[in-house]
Amino acid sequence: MTAIDPPGQPDRLAGDLEALARLHAPPPPLTDPLAIILWDNVGYLIPDERREALFHKLVDRVGLDAEALVAAPYEVLFDIAQRGGMRPEERVERLRAIGRLTLDAGGDLTAALRRAGPAKARALLKRFPTIADPGADKILLFSGLEVRPALESNGVRALVRLGHAVEGKSYANAYRSAIGALTSLGPPDRDRLIAAFQILRAHGQTLCKRSAPVCLSCPLDAACAHVVTKLL
């Protein structure tokens, strides 16, 4: 086994996901690529409820439109950004950059990604603020442009602690290992993979937290590997 190979227990992983699905009920996901990027950039390290409020404020006051983002008055964008955590000036510039990059791609990001194909679509997405490979995986999956597993850090941590993935020497290694675990579940199914993303994220946020995990409230505590994570 290499440092990034998943332990390979798809039947147990499927059962664990079913158990967690009974515990967590995430809201319907965003599926528009531009909306997902704006959601991720509207705030920094803030709770989902606050992020949702800011996202809807942005939609109401500016709109999900690239030209509107670029043309929006600084005061409007700053008023929204300052409610989303530290360095609001940087977030204003990011919001405008998102608009400019979308216009450079033709104004319709979904259509541009569809025309580009998976590899070029990934490269295009990674030009946007805060979007690296994990973010591109999420956008391509949620928008239905590519059906392959995606995770964010809470989900990766949960899979490592449950013994379905190994941490390795970097977050990139842990991410690949966790993605490999989800890949082992069988033929890719978009709805199932989106559900796995959301359920594992919710579990990592609420019970399998980075510090002070609430293990005794977890239905998988008895079978959990309780792996100590350093990077996650």
C-alpha atoms as a PDB file:
ATOM      1  CA  MET A   1       0.000   0.000   0.000  1.00  0.00           C
ATOM      2  CA  THR A   2       1.365   3.429  -0.928  1.00  0.00           C
ATOM      3  CA  ALA A   3       0.916   6.624   1.053  1.00  0.00           C
ATOM      4  CA  ILE A   4      -2.076   7.668  -1.045  1.00  0.00           C
ATOM      5  CA  ASP A   5      -3.855   4.339  -1.574  1.00  0.00           C
ATOM      6  CA  PRO A   6      -7.276   4.026   0.113  1.00  0.00           C
ATOM      7  CA  PRO A   7      -7.668   1.062   2.495  1.00  0.00           C
ATOM      8  CA  GLY A   8     -10.253  -0.371   0.088  1.00  0.00           C
ATOM      9  CA  GLN A   9     -13.359  -1.305   2.059  1.00  0.00           C
ATOM     10  CA  PRO A  10     -16.173  -0.167  -0.244  1.00  0.00           C
ATOM     11  CA  ASP A  11     -18.881  -2.204   1.478  1.00  0.00           C
ATOM     12  CA  ARG A  12     -18.097  -0.697   4.870  1.00  0.00           C
ATOM     13  CA  LEU A  13     -17.818   2.773   3.321  1.00  0.00           C
ATOM     14  CA  ALA A  14     -21.236   2.392   1.688  1.00  0.00           C
ATOM     15  CA  GLY A  15     -22.701   1.349   5.038  1.00  0.00           C
ATOM     16  CA  ASP A  16     -21.064   4.251   6.834  1.00  0.00           C
ATOM     17  CA  LEU A  17     -22.445   6.727   4.290  1.00  0.00           C
ATOM     18  CA  GLU A  18     -25.925   5.268   4.758  1.00  0.00           C
ATOM     19  CA  ALA A  19     -25.623   5.669   8.531  1.00  0.00           C
ATOM     20  CA  LEU A  20     -24.455   9.268   8.193  1.00  0.00           C
ATOM     21  CA  ALA A  21     -27.251  10.022   5.715  1.00  0.00           C
ATOM     22  CA  ARG A  22     -29.746   9.216   8.467  1.00  0.00           C
ATOM     23  CA  LEU A  23     -28.002  11.731  10.705  1.00  0.00           C
ATOM     24  CA  HIS A  24     -27.368  14.630   8.321  1.00  0.00           C
ATOM     25  CA  ALA A  25     -29.820  16.256   5.911  1.00  0.00           C
ATOM     26  CA  PRO A  26     -27.919  18.903   3.903  1.00  0.00           C
ATOM     27  CA  PRO A  27     -29.891  21.438   1.834  1.00  0.00           C
ATOM     28  CA  PRO A  28     -30.205  21.125  -1.953  1.00  0.00           C
ATOM     29  CA  PRO A  29     -26.878  21.996  -3.582  1.00  0.00           C
ATOM     30  CA  LEU A  30     -26.135  24.900  -5.876  1.00  0.00           C
ATOM     31  CA  THR A  31     -25.599  23.620  -9.417  1.00  0.00           C
ATOM     32  CA  ASP A  32     -24.693  26.777 -11.355  1.00  0.00           C
ATOM     33  CA  PRO A  33     -20.873  27.140 -11.630  1.00  0.00           C
ATOM     34  CA  LEU A  34     -20.894  30.930 -11.225  1.00  0.00           C
ATOM     35  CA  ALA A  35     -23.166  30.688  -8.200  1.00  0.00           C
ATOM     36  CA  ILE A  36     -20.890  28.092  -6.569  1.00  0.00           C
ATOM     37  CA  ILE A  37     -17.807  30.275  -7.106  1.00  0.00           C
ATOM     38  CA  LEU A  38     -19.564  33.328  -5.670  1.00  0.00           C
ATOM     39  CA  TRP A  39     -20.821  31.288  -2.705  1.00  0.00           C
ATOM     40  CA  ASP A  40     -17.251  30.219  -1.927  1.00  0.00           C
ATOM     41  CA  ASN A  41     -15.897  33.767  -2.226  1.00  0.00           C
ATOM     42  CA  VAL A  42     -18.577  35.841  -0.519  1.00  0.00           C
ATOM     43  CA  GLY A  43     -17.207  35.088   2.957  1.00  0.00           C
ATOM     44  CA  TYR A  44     -14.167  33.694   4.744  1.00  0.00           C
ATOM     45  CA  LEU A  45     -14.365  31.076   7.500  1.00  0.00           C
ATOM     46  CA  ILE A  46     -17.965  31.850   8.379  1.00  0.00           C
ATOM     47  CA  PRO A  47     -20.887  29.524   9.230  1.00  0.00           C
ATOM     48  CA  ASP A  48     -23.057  28.303   6.370  1.00  0.00           C
ATOM     49  CA  GLU A  49     -26.083  30.212   7.650  1.00  0.00           C
ATOM     50  CA  ARG A  50     -24.198  33.493   7.501  1.00  0.00           C
ATOM     51  CA  ARG A  51     -22.694  32.616   4.120  1.00  0.00           C
ATOM     52  CA  GLU A  52     -26.151  31.838   2.750  1.00  0.00           C
ATOM     53  CA  ALA A  53     -27.481  35.190   3.958  1.00  0.00           C
ATOM     54  CA  LEU A  54     -24.591  37.048   2.325  1.00  0.00           C
ATOM     55  CA  PHE A  55     -24.938  35.084  -0.896  1.00  0.00           C
ATOM     56  CA  HIS A  56     -28.624  35.966  -1.151  1.00  0.00           C
ATOM     57  CA  LYS A  57     -27.821  39.589  -0.350  1.00  0.00           C
ATOM     58  CA  LEU A  58     -25.319  39.577  -3.227  1.00  0.00           C
ATOM     59  CA  VAL A  59     -27.894  38.029  -5.558  1.00  0.00           C
ATOM     60  CA  ASP A  60     -30.553  40.545  -4.512  1.00  0.00           C
ATOM     61  CA  ARG A  61     -28.352  43.651  -4.716  1.00  0.00           C
ATOM     62  CA  VAL A  62     -26.101  42.732  -7.648  1.00  0.00           C
ATOM     63  CA  GLY A  63     -27.326  39.535  -9.307  1.00  0.00           C
ATOM     64  CA  LEU A  64     -25.758  36.399 -10.751  1.00  0.00           C
ATOM     65  CA  ASP A  65     -24.498  38.235 -13.785  1.00  0.00           C
ATOM     66  CA  ALA A  66     -20.895  38.837 -14.820  1.00  0.00           C
ATOM     67  CA  GLU A  67     -21.507  42.320 -16.207  1.00  0.00           C
ATOM     68  CA  ALA A  68     -23.394  43.313 -13.072  1.00  0.00           C
ATOM     69  CA  LEU A  69     -20.541  42.104 -10.884  1.00  0.00           C
ATOM     70  CA  VAL A  70     -17.992  44.142 -12.801  1.00  0.00           C
ATOM     71  CA  ALA A  71     -20.206  47.248 -12.861  1.00  0.00           C
ATOM     72  CA  ALA A  72     -21.460  47.056  -9.272  1.00  0.00           C
ATOM     73  CA  PRO A  73     -20.550  50.082  -7.136  1.00  0.00           C
ATOM     74  CA  TYR A  74     -17.627  49.479  -4.808  1.00  0.00           C
ATOM     75  CA  GLU A  75     -19.727  50.556  -1.833  1.00  0.00           C
ATOM     76  CA  VAL A  76     -22.309  47.845  -2.506  1.00  0.00           C
ATOM     77  CA  LEU A  77     -19.741  45.078  -2.846  1.00  0.00           C
ATOM     78  CA  PHE A  78     -17.812  46.305   0.185  1.00  0.00           C
ATOM     79  CA  ASP A  79     -20.955  46.447   2.314  1.00  0.00           C
ATOM     80  CA  ILE A  80     -21.532  42.772   1.538  1.00  0.00           C
ATOM     81  CA  ALA A  81     -17.883  41.741   1.805  1.00  0.00           C
ATOM     82  CA  GLN A  82     -17.290  43.328   5.203  1.00  0.00           C
ATOM     83  CA  ARG A  83     -20.036  41.150   6.668  1.00  0.00           C
ATOM     84  CA  GLY A  84     -18.166  38.057   5.474  1.00  0.00           C
ATOM     85  CA  GLY A  85     -15.058  38.158   7.622  1.00  0.00           C
ATOM     86  CA  MET A  86     -11.567  39.580   7.465  1.00  0.00           C
ATOM     87  CA  ARG A  87      -9.976  41.413   4.503  1.00  0.00           C
ATOM     88  CA  PRO A  88     -13.186  42.617   2.820  1.00  0.00           C
ATOM     89  CA  GLU A  89     -11.215  44.713   0.315  1.00  0.00           C
ATOM     90  CA  GLU A  90      -9.656  41.540  -1.084  1.00  0.00           C
ATOM     91  CA  ARG A  91     -13.074  39.933  -1.392  1.00  0.00           C
ATOM     92  CA  VAL A  92     -14.403  42.920  -3.327  1.00  0.00           C
ATOM     93  CA  GLU A  93     -11.563  42.482  -5.825  1.00  0.00           C
ATOM     94  CA  ARG A  94     -12.230  38.757  -5.984  1.00  0.00           C
ATOM     95  CA  LEU A  95     -15.899  39.311  -6.755  1.00  0.00           C
ATOM     96  CA  ARG A  96     -14.995  41.706  -9.561  1.00  0.00           C
ATOM     97  CA  ALA A  97     -12.325  39.310 -10.834  1.00  0.00           C
ATOM     98  CA  ILE A  98     -14.946  36.559 -10.986  1.00  0.00           C
ATOM     99  CA  GLY A  99     -17.087  38.815 -13.150  1.00  0.00           C
ATOM    100  CA  ARG A 100     -14.189  39.723 -15.448  1.00  0.00           C
ATOM    101  CA  LEU A 101     -13.066  36.096 -15.861  1.00  0.00           C
ATOM    102  CA  THR A 102     -16.637  35.078 -16.686  1.00  0.00           C
ATOM    103  CA  LEU A 103     -16.876  37.827 -19.305  1.00  0.00           C
ATOM    104  CA  ASP A 104     -13.531  36.727 -20.744  1.00  0.00           C
ATOM    105  CA  ALA A 105     -15.024  33.241 -21.097  1.00  0.00           C
ATOM    106  CA  GLY A 106     -17.975  34.617 -23.074  1.00  0.00           C
ATOM    107  CA  GLY A 107     -20.322  35.697 -20.288  1.00  0.00           C
ATOM    108  CA  ASP A 108     -21.984  32.315 -19.744  1.00  0.00           C
ATOM    109  CA  LEU A 109     -19.681  30.220 -17.564  1.00  0.00           C
ATOM    110  CA  THR A 110     -21.747  27.040 -17.813  1.00  0.00           C
ATOM    111  CA  ALA A 111     -21.714  27.171 -21.608  1.00  0.00           C
ATOM    112  CA  ALA A 112     -17.978  27.956 -21.645  1.00  0.00           C
ATOM    113  CA  LEU A 113     -17.190  24.980 -19.420  1.00  0.00           C
ATOM    114  CA  ARG A 114     -19.363  22.683 -21.505  1.00  0.00           C
ATOM    115  CA  ARG A 115     -17.636  23.770 -24.719  1.00  0.00           C
ATOM    116  CA  ALA A 116     -14.192  23.372 -23.197  1.00  0.00           C
ATOM    117  CA  GLY A 117     -14.453  19.720 -22.198  1.00  0.00           C
ATOM    118  CA  PRO A 118     -13.278  18.302 -18.829  1.00  0.00           C
ATOM    119  CA  ALA A 119      -9.531  19.051 -18.986  1.00  0.00           C
ATOM    120  CA  LYS A 120      -9.812  22.610 -20.319  1.00  0.00           C
ATOM    121  CA  ALA A 121     -12.840  23.265 -18.111  1.00  0.00           C
ATOM    122  CA  ARG A 122     -10.754  22.372 -15.077  1.00  0.00           C
ATOM    123  CA  ALA A 123      -7.987  24.735 -16.193  1.00  0.00           C
ATOM    124  CA  LEU A 124     -10.538  27.520 -16.716  1.00  0.00           C
ATOM    125  CA  LEU A 125     -12.062  27.043 -13.271  1.00  0.00           C
ATOM    126  CA  LYS A 126      -8.655  27.155 -11.599  1.00  0.00           C
ATOM    127  CA  ARG A 127      -8.190  30.693 -12.931  1.00  0.00           C
ATOM    128  CA  PHE A 128     -10.950  31.854 -10.559  1.00  0.00           C
ATOM    129  CA  PRO A 129     -10.143  33.050  -7.026  1.00  0.00           C
ATOM    130  CA  THR A 130      -9.796  30.286  -4.379  1.00  0.00           C
ATOM    131  CA  ILE A 131     -10.529  27.488  -6.875  1.00  0.00           C
ATOM    132  CA  ALA A 132      -7.938  24.695  -6.903  1.00  0.00           C
ATOM    133  CA  ASP A 133      -8.408  21.061  -7.937  1.00  0.00           C
ATOM    134  CA  PRO A 134     -10.842  20.166  -5.109  1.00  0.00           C
ATOM    135  CA  GLY A 135     -12.997  23.194  -5.935  1.00  0.00           C
ATOM    136  CA  ALA A 136     -12.930  22.357  -9.621  1.00  0.00           C
ATOM    137  CA  ASP A 137     -13.957  18.776  -8.809  1.00  0.00           C
ATOM    138  CA  LYS A 138     -16.921  20.099  -6.835  1.00  0.00           C
ATOM    139  CA  ILE A 139     -18.078  22.518  -9.521  1.00  0.00           C
ATOM    140  CA  LEU A 140     -17.804  19.994 -12.332  1.00  0.00           C
ATOM    141  CA  LEU A 141     -19.709  17.388 -10.290  1.00  0.00           C
ATOM    142  CA  PHE A 142     -22.437  19.658  -8.935  1.00  0.00           C
ATOM    143  CA  SER A 143     -23.063  21.241 -12.334  1.00  0.00           C
ATOM    144  CA  GLY A 144     -23.230  17.835 -14.030  1.00  0.00           C
ATOM    145  CA  LEU A 145     -20.334  18.602 -16.368  1.00  0.00           C
ATOM    146  CA  GLU A 146     -18.240  15.693 -15.076  1.00  0.00           C
ATOM    147  CA  VAL A 147     -19.254  12.786 -12.849  1.00  0.00           C
ATOM    148  CA  ARG A 148     -16.331  12.039 -10.563  1.00  0.00           C
ATOM    149  CA  PRO A 149     -15.973  12.216  -6.767  1.00  0.00           C
ATOM    150  CA  ALA A 150     -15.365  15.511  -5.009  1.00  0.00           C
ATOM    151  CA  LEU A 151     -14.690  16.391  -1.376  1.00  0.00           C
ATOM    152  CA  GLU A 152     -13.680  19.330   0.769  1.00  0.00           C
ATOM    153  CA  SER A 153     -11.521  19.277   3.874  1.00  0.00           C
ATOM    154  CA  ASN A 154     -14.235  18.255   6.354  1.00  0.00           C
ATOM    155  CA  GLY A 155     -15.136  15.240   4.239  1.00  0.00           C
ATOM    156  CA  VAL A 156     -11.510  14.260   3.731  1.00  0.00           C
ATOM    157  CA  ARG A 157     -10.883  14.418   7.484  1.00  0.00           C
ATOM    158  CA  ALA A 158     -13.945  12.277   8.215  1.00  0.00           C
ATOM    159  CA  LEU A 159     -12.860   9.588   5.752  1.00  0.00           C
ATOM    160  CA  VAL A 160      -9.324   9.536   7.164  1.00  0.00           C
ATOM    161  CA  ARG A 161     -10.554   9.220  10.745  1.00  0.00           C
ATOM    162  CA  LEU A 162     -13.017   6.506   9.812  1.00  0.00           C
ATOM    163  CA  GLY A 163     -10.168   4.548   8.245  1.00  0.00           C
ATOM    164  CA  HIS A 164     -11.358   4.812   4.643  1.00  0.00           C
ATOM    165  CA  ALA A 165      -8.416   6.965   3.535  1.00  0.00           C
ATOM    166  CA  VAL A 166      -4.870   7.673   4.644  1.00  0.00           C
ATOM    167  CA  GLU A 167      -3.447  11.087   5.379  1.00  0.00           C
ATOM    168  CA  GLY A 168      -0.032  10.731   3.780  1.00  0.00           C
ATOM    169  CA  LYS A 169       2.490  13.562   3.897  1.00  0.00           C
ATOM    170  CA  SER A 170       0.311  16.341   2.490  1.00  0.00           C
ATOM    171  CA  TYR A 171      -3.291  17.406   2.090  1.00  0.00           C
ATOM    172  CA  ALA A 172      -3.057  16.565  -1.612  1.00  0.00           C
ATOM    173  CA  ASN A 173      -2.164  12.967  -0.694  1.00  0.00           C
ATOM    174  CA  ALA A 174      -5.044  12.742   1.766  1.00  0.00           C
ATOM    175  CA  TYR A 175      -7.423  14.187  -0.818  1.00  0.00           C
ATOM    176  CA  ARG A 176      -6.390  11.666  -3.483  1.00  0.00           C
ATOM    177  CA  SER A 177      -6.735   8.832  -1.014  1.00  0.00           C
ATOM    178  CA  ALA A 178     -10.225   9.942   0.023  1.00  0.00           C
ATOM    179  CA  ILE A 179     -11.277  10.381  -3.605  1.00  0.00           C
ATOM    180  CA  GLY A 180      -9.971   6.887  -4.278  1.00  0.00           C
ATOM    181  CA  ALA A 181     -12.160   5.537  -1.500  1.00  0.00           C
ATOM    182  CA  LEU A 182     -15.274   7.069  -3.068  1.00  0.00           C
ATOM    183  CA  THR A 183     -14.222   5.806  -6.492  1.00  0.00           C
ATOM    184  CA  SER A 184     -14.148   2.269  -5.082  1.00  0.00           C
ATOM    185  CA  LEU A 185     -17.915   2.422  -4.487  1.00  0.00           C
ATOM    186  CA  GLY A 186     -18.552   1.485  -8.111  1.00  0.00           C
ATOM    187  CA  PRO A 187     -19.796   3.164 -11.282  1.00  0.00           C
ATOM    188  CA  PRO A 188     -20.026   6.947 -10.760  1.00  0.00           C
ATOM    189  CA  ASP A 189     -23.481   8.267  -9.988  1.00  0.00           C
ATOM    190  CA  ARG A 190     -23.869  12.043  -9.760  1.00  0.00           C
ATOM    191  CA  ASP A 191     -26.627  12.102  -7.145  1.00  0.00           C
ATOM    192  CA  ARG A 192     -24.797   9.604  -4.944  1.00  0.00           C
ATOM    193  CA  LEU A 193     -21.502  11.470  -5.187  1.00  0.00           C
ATOM    194  CA  ILE A 194     -23.129  14.829  -4.418  1.00  0.00           C
ATOM    195  CA  ALA A 195     -24.858  13.260  -1.415  1.00  0.00           C
ATOM    196  CA  ALA A 196     -21.531  11.813  -0.221  1.00  0.00           C
ATOM    197  CA  PHE A 197     -19.863  15.229  -0.548  1.00  0.00           C
ATOM    198  CA  GLN A 198     -22.568  16.977   1.428  1.00  0.00           C
ATOM    199  CA  ILE A 199     -23.032  14.307   4.098  1.00  0.00           C
ATOM    200  CA  LEU A 200     -19.304  13.981   4.805  1.00  0.00           C
ATOM    201  CA  ARG A 201     -18.915  17.758   4.870  1.00  0.00           C
ATOM    202  CA  ALA A 202     -21.775  18.077   7.355  1.00  0.00           C
ATOM    203  CA  HIS A 203     -20.327  15.289   9.493  1.00  0.00           C
ATOM    204  CA  GLY A 204     -16.919  16.966   9.575  1.00  0.00           C
ATOM    205  CA  GLN A 205     -18.479  20.291  10.514  1.00  0.00           C
ATOM    206  CA  THR A 206     -20.761  19.063  13.284  1.00  0.00           C
ATOM    207  CA  LEU A 207     -19.327  15.897  14.881  1.00  0.00           C
ATOM    208  CA  CYS A 208     -16.013  14.885  13.301  1.00  0.00           C
ATOM    209  CA  LYS A 209     -14.578  18.341  13.881  1.00  0.00           C
ATOM    210  CA  ARG A 210     -10.903  19.147  13.503  1.00  0.00           C
ATOM    211  CA  SER A 211     -10.550  19.908  17.209  1.00  0.00           C
ATOM    212  CA  ALA A 212     -12.726  18.434  19.949  1.00  0.00           C
ATOM    213  CA  PRO A 213     -14.625  15.908  17.797  1.00  0.00           C
ATOM    214  CA  VAL A 214     -17.929  14.787  19.337  1.00  0.00           C
ATOM    215  CA  CYS A 215     -17.232  11.073  19.028  1.00  0.00           C
ATOM    216  CA  LEU A 216     -19.787   9.843  21.552  1.00  0.00           C
ATOM    217  CA  SER A 217     -22.621  11.377  19.493  1.00  0.00           C
ATOM    218  CA  CYS A 218     -21.439   9.718  16.276  1.00  0.00           C
ATOM    219  CA  PRO A 219     -23.284   6.564  15.151  1.00  0.00           C
ATOM    220  CA  LEU A 220     -19.987   5.230  13.772  1.00  0.00           C
ATOM    221  CA  ASP A 221     -17.975   5.717  16.967  1.00  0.00           C
ATOM    222  CA  ALA A 222     -17.748   2.006  17.794  1.00  0.00           C
ATOM    223  CA  ALA A 223     -16.342   1.135  14.368  1.00  0.00           C
ATOM    224  CA  CYS A 224     -14.317   4.324  13.803  1.00  0.00           C
ATOM    225  CA  ALA A 225     -10.574   3.972  13.402  1.00  0.00           C
ATOM    226  CA  HIS A 226     -10.116   7.234  15.358  1.00  0.00           C
ATOM    227  CA  VAL A 227      -7.113   8.136  13.240  1.00  0.00           C
ATOM    228  CA  VAL A 228      -5.236  11.143  14.600  1.00  0.00           C
ATOM    229  CA  THR A 229      -4.898  13.675  11.769  1.00  0.00           C
ATOM    230  CA  LYS A 230      -2.133  16.266  11.572  1.00  0.00           C
ATOM    231  CA  LEU A 231      -2.998  18.042   8.314  1.00  0.00           C
ATOM    232  CA  LEU A 232      -6.763  18.041   8.486  1.00  0.00           C
END
